[in-house]
Amino acid sequence: VLLGVVLSHVDDLLCGGSPRARESILSLEKELGFGSIEHNSFNYCGKKVSQDEHGVIHVTMPEYHANLQPVNVPAHRKKNPDAELNDAEKKQLRAILGSLQWLVAQVRVDQGFALSTLQGEKPTVGTLMRANLLVKTFKASGSFGLRFRPMSLENAGIMVVSDASLGNVNKDGSTAGDVTTKVFSQASYVVLIAEEKMMPGESGKFCLLDARSHRLQRVCRSTF
């Protein structure tokens, strides 16, 4: 019987479980000594974690969203969006995309496609401008988060939901171009832990384990 779980990142521990698991962790604290103990609402590795009165765990990153800043693109550069970026601009673009990638990996699974296609583009002024627009999209929905609802693990299972679009991206993963170049497909999947009644196709509770949006390596000319 699963009583509790302990996750670690360097010297930060994240614990959850039954009252018996809590007692075990607190006994460990008496033996080793912890710097501090927080429960129900706290920050862990840049994420705000809280549990409400119904047992639902909420994971958000509002401060990270608030700290995102777009790159200043001079007016004379905006006039030629197809121009290649200089070294300084490329560094700024990598910094923005890296920050957004961290958010997507942690909580923003809803923006996986937008970021993936932007990462595949040739680094031009237009790419930098679109990155700025994506930053604004992230900041406008900075309260977005994941919810993990209490559910029975009795006979629960792992469920994978996947889909793909036909010919909607280029070989590099960008969305620029027409039907002659956009012959690759962007796919996505989510991995869930789902309660028993979802296994045969009924509605039920689930929790997100993993999600990804990515370009398929193969070229398909038809949905058939």
C-alpha atoms as a PDB file:
ATOM      1  CA  VAL A   1       0.000   0.000   0.000  1.00  0.00           C
ATOM      2  CA  LEU A   2       1.404   3.382  -1.014  1.00  0.00           C
ATOM      3  CA  LEU A   3       1.640   5.570   2.083  1.00  0.00           C
ATOM      4  CA  GLY A   4       3.704   8.493   0.859  1.00  0.00           C
ATOM      5  CA  VAL A   5       6.117   9.915  -1.683  1.00  0.00           C
ATOM      6  CA  VAL A   6       9.290  11.971  -1.249  1.00  0.00           C
ATOM      7  CA  LEU A   7      10.842  13.907  -4.145  1.00  0.00           C
ATOM      8  CA  SER A   8      14.199  15.627  -3.907  1.00  0.00           C
ATOM      9  CA  HIS A   9      15.918  18.419  -5.814  1.00  0.00           C
ATOM     10  CA  VAL A  10      19.413  18.909  -4.391  1.00  0.00           C
ATOM     11  CA  ASP A  11      18.605  19.527  -0.705  1.00  0.00           C
ATOM     12  CA  ASP A  12      14.925  20.457  -1.097  1.00  0.00           C
ATOM     13  CA  LEU A  13      12.417  17.724  -0.304  1.00  0.00           C
ATOM     14  CA  LEU A  14       8.794  17.605  -1.444  1.00  0.00           C
ATOM     15  CA  CYS A  15       6.647  15.160   0.491  1.00  0.00           C
ATOM     16  CA  GLY A  16       3.071  13.980   0.357  1.00  0.00           C
ATOM     17  CA  GLY A  17       1.037  11.131   1.741  1.00  0.00           C
ATOM     18  CA  SER A  18      -0.962   9.790   4.653  1.00  0.00           C
ATOM     19  CA  PRO A  19      -0.722  10.845   8.324  1.00  0.00           C
ATOM     20  CA  ARG A  20       1.590   7.875   8.869  1.00  0.00           C
ATOM     21  CA  ALA A  21       3.901   9.141   6.096  1.00  0.00           C
ATOM     22  CA  ARG A  22       3.890  12.585   7.680  1.00  0.00           C
ATOM     23  CA  GLU A  23       4.915  11.105  11.029  1.00  0.00           C
ATOM     24  CA  SER A  24       7.758   9.261   9.320  1.00  0.00           C
ATOM     25  CA  ILE A  25       9.045  12.439   7.668  1.00  0.00           C
ATOM     26  CA  LEU A  26       8.840  14.398  10.916  1.00  0.00           C
ATOM     27  CA  SER A  27      10.782  11.679  12.715  1.00  0.00           C
ATOM     28  CA  LEU A  28      13.455  12.043  10.033  1.00  0.00           C
ATOM     29  CA  GLU A  29      13.512  15.773  10.727  1.00  0.00           C
ATOM     30  CA  LYS A  30      14.241  15.079  14.389  1.00  0.00           C
ATOM     31  CA  GLU A  31      17.172  12.892  13.335  1.00  0.00           C
ATOM     32  CA  LEU A  32      18.682  15.106  10.612  1.00  0.00           C
ATOM     33  CA  GLY A  33      17.258  18.566  11.199  1.00  0.00           C
ATOM     34  CA  PHE A  34      15.538  20.528   8.430  1.00  0.00           C
ATOM     35  CA  GLY A  35      16.146  24.206   7.708  1.00  0.00           C
ATOM     36  CA  SER A  36      12.412  24.868   7.572  1.00  0.00           C
ATOM     37  CA  ILE A  37       9.146  23.023   7.006  1.00  0.00           C
ATOM     38  CA  GLU A  38       6.236  24.398   4.965  1.00  0.00           C
ATOM     39  CA  HIS A  39       2.949  22.739   4.160  1.00  0.00           C
ATOM     40  CA  ASN A  40      -0.307  23.352   2.228  1.00  0.00           C
ATOM     41  CA  SER A  41       1.075  26.416   0.400  1.00  0.00           C
ATOM     42  CA  PHE A  42       4.736  26.982  -0.520  1.00  0.00           C
ATOM     43  CA  ASN A  43       7.234  27.534  -3.339  1.00  0.00           C
ATOM     44  CA  TYR A  44       9.225  24.580  -4.669  1.00  0.00           C
ATOM     45  CA  CYS A  45      11.813  24.941  -7.434  1.00  0.00           C
ATOM     46  CA  GLY A  46      10.183  28.123  -8.734  1.00  0.00           C
ATOM     47  CA  LYS A  47       6.669  26.710  -8.647  1.00  0.00           C
ATOM     48  CA  LYS A  48       3.888  27.779  -6.308  1.00  0.00           C
ATOM     49  CA  VAL A  49       2.298  24.656  -4.851  1.00  0.00           C
ATOM     50  CA  SER A  50      -0.901  24.784  -2.789  1.00  0.00           C
ATOM     51  CA  GLN A  51      -3.575  22.361  -1.654  1.00  0.00           C
ATOM     52  CA  ASP A  52      -7.138  23.547  -1.094  1.00  0.00           C
ATOM     53  CA  GLU A  53      -9.805  22.333   1.317  1.00  0.00           C
ATOM     54  CA  HIS A  54     -10.976  19.731  -1.227  1.00  0.00           C
ATOM     55  CA  GLY A  55      -7.532  18.151  -1.475  1.00  0.00           C
ATOM     56  CA  VAL A  56      -6.851  19.524  -4.976  1.00  0.00           C
ATOM     57  CA  ILE A  57      -3.203  20.445  -5.526  1.00  0.00           C
ATOM     58  CA  HIS A  58      -2.594  23.561  -7.632  1.00  0.00           C
ATOM     59  CA  VAL A  59       0.755  24.210  -9.338  1.00  0.00           C
ATOM     60  CA  THR A  60       1.358  27.663 -10.844  1.00  0.00           C
ATOM     61  CA  MET A  61       4.302  29.948 -11.660  1.00  0.00           C
ATOM     62  CA  PRO A  62       2.919  33.514 -11.397  1.00  0.00           C
ATOM     63  CA  GLU A  63       6.210  35.169 -10.426  1.00  0.00           C
ATOM     64  CA  TYR A  64       8.082  33.543 -13.301  1.00  0.00           C
ATOM     65  CA  HIS A  65       5.430  34.813 -15.719  1.00  0.00           C
ATOM     66  CA  ALA A  66       5.609  38.302 -14.234  1.00  0.00           C
ATOM     67  CA  ASN A  67       9.386  38.427 -14.673  1.00  0.00           C
ATOM     68  CA  LEU A  68       9.263  37.626 -18.401  1.00  0.00           C
ATOM     69  CA  GLN A  69      10.392  40.598 -20.488  1.00  0.00           C
ATOM     70  CA  PRO A  70      10.192  41.037 -24.286  1.00  0.00           C
ATOM     71  CA  VAL A  71      13.238  42.151 -26.273  1.00  0.00           C
ATOM     72  CA  ASN A  72      13.381  45.747 -27.468  1.00  0.00           C
ATOM     73  CA  VAL A  73      13.409  45.646 -31.281  1.00  0.00           C
ATOM     74  CA  PRO A  74      14.334  49.025 -32.831  1.00  0.00           C
ATOM     75  CA  ALA A  75      11.882  50.491 -35.341  1.00  0.00           C
ATOM     76  CA  HIS A  76      14.376  50.361 -38.198  1.00  0.00           C
ATOM     77  CA  ARG A  77      14.839  46.609 -37.623  1.00  0.00           C
ATOM     78  CA  LYS A  78      11.096  45.961 -37.611  1.00  0.00           C
ATOM     79  CA  LYS A  79      10.880  47.347 -41.140  1.00  0.00           C
ATOM     80  CA  ASN A  80      12.782  44.311 -42.440  1.00  0.00           C
ATOM     81  CA  PRO A  81      11.422  41.251 -40.606  1.00  0.00           C
ATOM     82  CA  ASP A  82      13.259  38.845 -42.945  1.00  0.00           C
ATOM     83  CA  ALA A  83      16.662  40.208 -41.941  1.00  0.00           C
ATOM     84  CA  GLU A  84      18.929  37.807 -40.077  1.00  0.00           C
ATOM     85  CA  LEU A  85      19.660  38.503 -36.431  1.00  0.00           C
ATOM     86  CA  ASN A  86      23.056  39.736 -35.317  1.00  0.00           C
ATOM     87  CA  ASP A  87      24.957  37.905 -32.574  1.00  0.00           C
ATOM     88  CA  ALA A  88      23.527  40.027 -29.760  1.00  0.00           C
ATOM     89  CA  GLU A  89      19.955  39.551 -31.004  1.00  0.00           C
ATOM     90  CA  LYS A  90      20.481  35.799 -31.380  1.00  0.00           C
ATOM     91  CA  LYS A  91      21.595  35.651 -27.759  1.00  0.00           C
ATOM     92  CA  GLN A  92      18.481  37.543 -26.682  1.00  0.00           C
ATOM     93  CA  LEU A  93      16.265  35.219 -28.732  1.00  0.00           C
ATOM     94  CA  ARG A  94      17.853  32.129 -27.164  1.00  0.00           C
ATOM     95  CA  ALA A  95      17.295  33.631 -23.718  1.00  0.00           C
ATOM     96  CA  ILE A  96      13.594  34.240 -24.393  1.00  0.00           C
ATOM     97  CA  LEU A  97      12.990  30.805 -25.891  1.00  0.00           C
ATOM     98  CA  GLY A  98      14.886  29.173 -23.035  1.00  0.00           C
ATOM     99  CA  SER A  99      12.736  30.949 -20.462  1.00  0.00           C
ATOM    100  CA  LEU A 100       9.550  29.935 -22.264  1.00  0.00           C
ATOM    101  CA  GLN A 101      10.798  26.355 -22.643  1.00  0.00           C
ATOM    102  CA  TRP A 102      11.218  26.102 -18.873  1.00  0.00           C
ATOM    103  CA  LEU A 103       7.633  27.280 -18.379  1.00  0.00           C
ATOM    104  CA  VAL A 104       6.294  24.815 -20.960  1.00  0.00           C
ATOM    105  CA  ALA A 105       8.211  21.976 -19.316  1.00  0.00           C
ATOM    106  CA  GLN A 106       6.841  22.865 -15.886  1.00  0.00           C
ATOM    107  CA  VAL A 107       3.222  23.991 -16.310  1.00  0.00           C
ATOM    108  CA  ARG A 108       2.452  25.636 -19.669  1.00  0.00           C
ATOM    109  CA  VAL A 109       1.622  22.547 -21.709  1.00  0.00           C
ATOM    110  CA  ASP A 110      -1.023  24.650 -23.484  1.00  0.00           C
ATOM    111  CA  GLN A 111       1.693  26.630 -25.316  1.00  0.00           C
ATOM    112  CA  GLY A 112       3.858  23.689 -26.366  1.00  0.00           C
ATOM    113  CA  PHE A 113       2.949  23.932 -30.055  1.00  0.00           C
ATOM    114  CA  ALA A 114       3.484  27.700 -30.300  1.00  0.00           C
ATOM    115  CA  LEU A 115       6.921  27.458 -28.720  1.00  0.00           C
ATOM    116  CA  SER A 116       7.998  24.357 -30.666  1.00  0.00           C
ATOM    117  CA  THR A 117       7.263  25.940 -34.055  1.00  0.00           C
ATOM    118  CA  LEU A 118       8.997  29.166 -33.032  1.00  0.00           C
ATOM    119  CA  GLN A 119      12.105  27.232 -31.999  1.00  0.00           C
ATOM    120  CA  GLY A 120      12.234  25.702 -35.479  1.00  0.00           C
ATOM    121  CA  GLU A 121      12.267  29.017 -37.338  1.00  0.00           C
ATOM    122  CA  LYS A 122      15.337  30.572 -38.945  1.00  0.00           C
ATOM    123  CA  PRO A 123      16.484  33.296 -36.526  1.00  0.00           C
ATOM    124  CA  THR A 124      15.284  36.508 -38.165  1.00  0.00           C
ATOM    125  CA  VAL A 125      13.924  39.813 -36.902  1.00  0.00           C
ATOM    126  CA  GLY A 126      10.453  38.432 -37.557  1.00  0.00           C
ATOM    127  CA  THR A 127      11.227  35.452 -35.329  1.00  0.00           C
ATOM    128  CA  LEU A 128      12.265  37.797 -32.526  1.00  0.00           C
ATOM    129  CA  MET A 129       9.076  39.829 -32.959  1.00  0.00           C
ATOM    130  CA  ARG A 130       6.956  36.666 -32.818  1.00  0.00           C
ATOM    131  CA  ALA A 131       8.846  35.602 -29.701  1.00  0.00           C
ATOM    132  CA  ASN A 132       7.874  38.913 -28.118  1.00  0.00           C
ATOM    133  CA  LEU A 133       4.238  38.268 -29.000  1.00  0.00           C
ATOM    134  CA  LEU A 134       4.457  34.831 -27.393  1.00  0.00           C
ATOM    135  CA  VAL A 135       5.902  36.421 -24.242  1.00  0.00           C
ATOM    136  CA  LYS A 136       2.845  38.697 -24.119  1.00  0.00           C
ATOM    137  CA  THR A 137       0.584  35.654 -24.516  1.00  0.00           C
ATOM    138  CA  PHE A 138       2.289  33.944 -21.583  1.00  0.00           C
ATOM    139  CA  LYS A 139       2.104  37.047 -19.390  1.00  0.00           C
ATOM    140  CA  ALA A 140      -1.572  37.613 -20.221  1.00  0.00           C
ATOM    141  CA  SER A 141      -2.371  34.167 -18.771  1.00  0.00           C
ATOM    142  CA  GLY A 142       0.173  34.072 -15.974  1.00  0.00           C
ATOM    143  CA  SER A 143      -2.296  32.475 -13.564  1.00  0.00           C
ATOM    144  CA  PHE A 144      -2.491  29.325 -15.732  1.00  0.00           C
ATOM    145  CA  GLY A 145      -1.641  26.222 -13.749  1.00  0.00           C
ATOM    146  CA  LEU A 146      -2.052  22.487 -13.355  1.00  0.00           C
ATOM    147  CA  ARG A 147      -4.501  20.815 -10.987  1.00  0.00           C
ATOM    148  CA  PHE A 148      -4.029  17.399  -9.452  1.00  0.00           C
ATOM    149  CA  ARG A 149      -7.303  16.102  -8.052  1.00  0.00           C
ATOM    150  CA  PRO A 150      -7.640  13.386  -5.403  1.00  0.00           C
ATOM    151  CA  MET A 151      -8.430  10.065  -7.066  1.00  0.00           C
ATOM    152  CA  SER A 152      -8.433   6.390  -6.284  1.00  0.00           C
ATOM    153  CA  LEU A 153      -5.342   4.521  -7.483  1.00  0.00           C
ATOM    154  CA  GLU A 154      -7.169   1.199  -7.122  1.00  0.00           C
ATOM    155  CA  ASN A 155      -6.872  -0.400 -10.588  1.00  0.00           C
ATOM    156  CA  ALA A 156      -5.851   2.964 -12.051  1.00  0.00           C
ATOM    157  CA  GLY A 157      -3.866   2.893 -15.283  1.00  0.00           C
ATOM    158  CA  ILE A 158      -1.585   4.870 -17.561  1.00  0.00           C
ATOM    159  CA  MET A 159      -3.387   6.448 -20.516  1.00  0.00           C
ATOM    160  CA  VAL A 160      -1.753   8.151 -23.497  1.00  0.00           C
ATOM    161  CA  VAL A 161      -3.718  10.514 -25.742  1.00  0.00           C
ATOM    162  CA  SER A 162      -2.046  11.590 -28.990  1.00  0.00           C
ATOM    163  CA  ASP A 163      -2.861  13.443 -32.185  1.00  0.00           C
ATOM    164  CA  ALA A 164      -1.144  15.041 -35.193  1.00  0.00           C
ATOM    165  CA  SER A 165      -1.961  17.517 -37.958  1.00  0.00           C
ATOM    166  CA  LEU A 166      -1.260  16.722 -41.589  1.00  0.00           C
ATOM    167  CA  GLY A 167       1.330  18.900 -43.310  1.00  0.00           C
ATOM    168  CA  ASN A 168       1.254  21.916 -41.003  1.00  0.00           C
ATOM    169  CA  VAL A 169       4.995  22.523 -40.435  1.00  0.00           C
ATOM    170  CA  ASN A 170       8.237  22.646 -42.416  1.00  0.00           C
ATOM    171  CA  LYS A 171      11.183  20.307 -42.030  1.00  0.00           C
ATOM    172  CA  ASP A 172      12.712  22.653 -39.441  1.00  0.00           C
ATOM    173  CA  GLY A 173       9.465  22.687 -37.469  1.00  0.00           C
ATOM    174  CA  SER A 174       8.409  26.237 -38.352  1.00  0.00           C
ATOM    175  CA  THR A 175       4.972  27.189 -39.691  1.00  0.00           C
ATOM    176  CA  ALA A 176       6.174  29.609 -42.386  1.00  0.00           C
ATOM    177  CA  GLY A 177       5.696  28.696 -46.041  1.00  0.00           C
ATOM    178  CA  ASP A 178       2.978  27.092 -48.168  1.00  0.00           C
ATOM    179  CA  VAL A 179       1.701  23.580 -48.983  1.00  0.00           C
ATOM    180  CA  THR A 180       4.794  22.834 -51.078  1.00  0.00           C
ATOM    181  CA  THR A 181       7.137  23.158 -48.093  1.00  0.00           C
ATOM    182  CA  LYS A 182       4.838  22.358 -45.185  1.00  0.00           C
ATOM    183  CA  VAL A 183       4.870  18.597 -45.671  1.00  0.00           C
ATOM    184  CA  PHE A 184       5.818  17.611 -42.136  1.00  0.00           C
ATOM    185  CA  SER A 185       3.367  17.147 -39.299  1.00  0.00           C
ATOM    186  CA  GLN A 186       3.319  18.448 -35.751  1.00  0.00           C
ATOM    187  CA  ALA A 187       2.231  15.855 -33.221  1.00  0.00           C
ATOM    188  CA  SER A 188       1.448  15.995 -29.537  1.00  0.00           C
ATOM    189  CA  TYR A 189       0.705  13.626 -26.709  1.00  0.00           C
ATOM    190  CA  VAL A 190      -0.306  13.693 -23.074  1.00  0.00           C
ATOM    191  CA  VAL A 191       0.384  10.932 -20.566  1.00  0.00           C
ATOM    192  CA  LEU A 192      -2.163  10.571 -17.789  1.00  0.00           C
ATOM    193  CA  ILE A 193      -2.732   8.458 -14.736  1.00  0.00           C
ATOM    194  CA  ALA A 194      -6.428   7.714 -14.966  1.00  0.00           C
ATOM    195  CA  GLU A 195      -8.869   6.015 -12.627  1.00  0.00           C
ATOM    196  CA  GLU A 196     -10.252   2.606 -13.473  1.00  0.00           C
ATOM    197  CA  LYS A 197     -13.482   3.634 -15.220  1.00  0.00           C
ATOM    198  CA  MET A 198     -11.568   5.708 -17.786  1.00  0.00           C
ATOM    199  CA  MET A 199      -9.773   2.611 -19.084  1.00  0.00           C
ATOM    200  CA  PRO A 200     -12.797   1.293 -21.051  1.00  0.00           C
ATOM    201  CA  GLY A 201     -13.659   4.806 -22.253  1.00  0.00           C
ATOM    202  CA  GLU A 202     -15.906   6.254 -19.560  1.00  0.00           C
ATOM    203  CA  SER A 203     -15.494   9.725 -18.083  1.00  0.00           C
ATOM    204  CA  GLY A 204     -13.488   9.987 -14.907  1.00  0.00           C
ATOM    205  CA  LYS A 205     -10.683  11.663 -13.008  1.00  0.00           C
ATOM    206  CA  PHE A 206      -7.084  11.808 -14.165  1.00  0.00           C
ATOM    207  CA  CYS A 207      -3.823  13.599 -13.413  1.00  0.00           C
ATOM    208  CA  LEU A 208      -1.301  14.800 -15.974  1.00  0.00           C
ATOM    209  CA  LEU A 209       2.078  13.050 -15.901  1.00  0.00           C
ATOM    210  CA  ASP A 210       3.715  14.323 -19.096  1.00  0.00           C
ATOM    211  CA  ALA A 211       2.962  16.255 -22.286  1.00  0.00           C
ATOM    212  CA  ARG A 212       4.837  17.160 -25.435  1.00  0.00           C
ATOM    213  CA  SER A 213       4.371  18.846 -28.820  1.00  0.00           C
ATOM    214  CA  HIS A 214       6.927  17.864 -31.466  1.00  0.00           C
ATOM    215  CA  ARG A 215       7.532  17.511 -35.204  1.00  0.00           C
ATOM    216  CA  LEU A 216       7.244  14.043 -36.700  1.00  0.00           C
ATOM    217  CA  GLN A 217      10.280  12.839 -38.652  1.00  0.00           C
ATOM    218  CA  ARG A 218       8.218  11.140 -41.362  1.00  0.00           C
ATOM    219  CA  VAL A 219       6.419  12.844 -44.232  1.00  0.00           C
ATOM    220  CA  CYS A 220       2.794  11.808 -44.768  1.00  0.00           C
ATOM    221  CA  ARG A 221       0.948  12.839 -47.919  1.00  0.00           C
ATOM    222  CA  SER A 222      -2.479  11.747 -46.750  1.00  0.00           C
ATOM    223  CA  THR A 223      -4.398  11.202 -43.546  1.00  0.00           C
ATOM    224  CA  PHE A 224      -5.060   7.665 -44.765  1.00  0.00           C
END
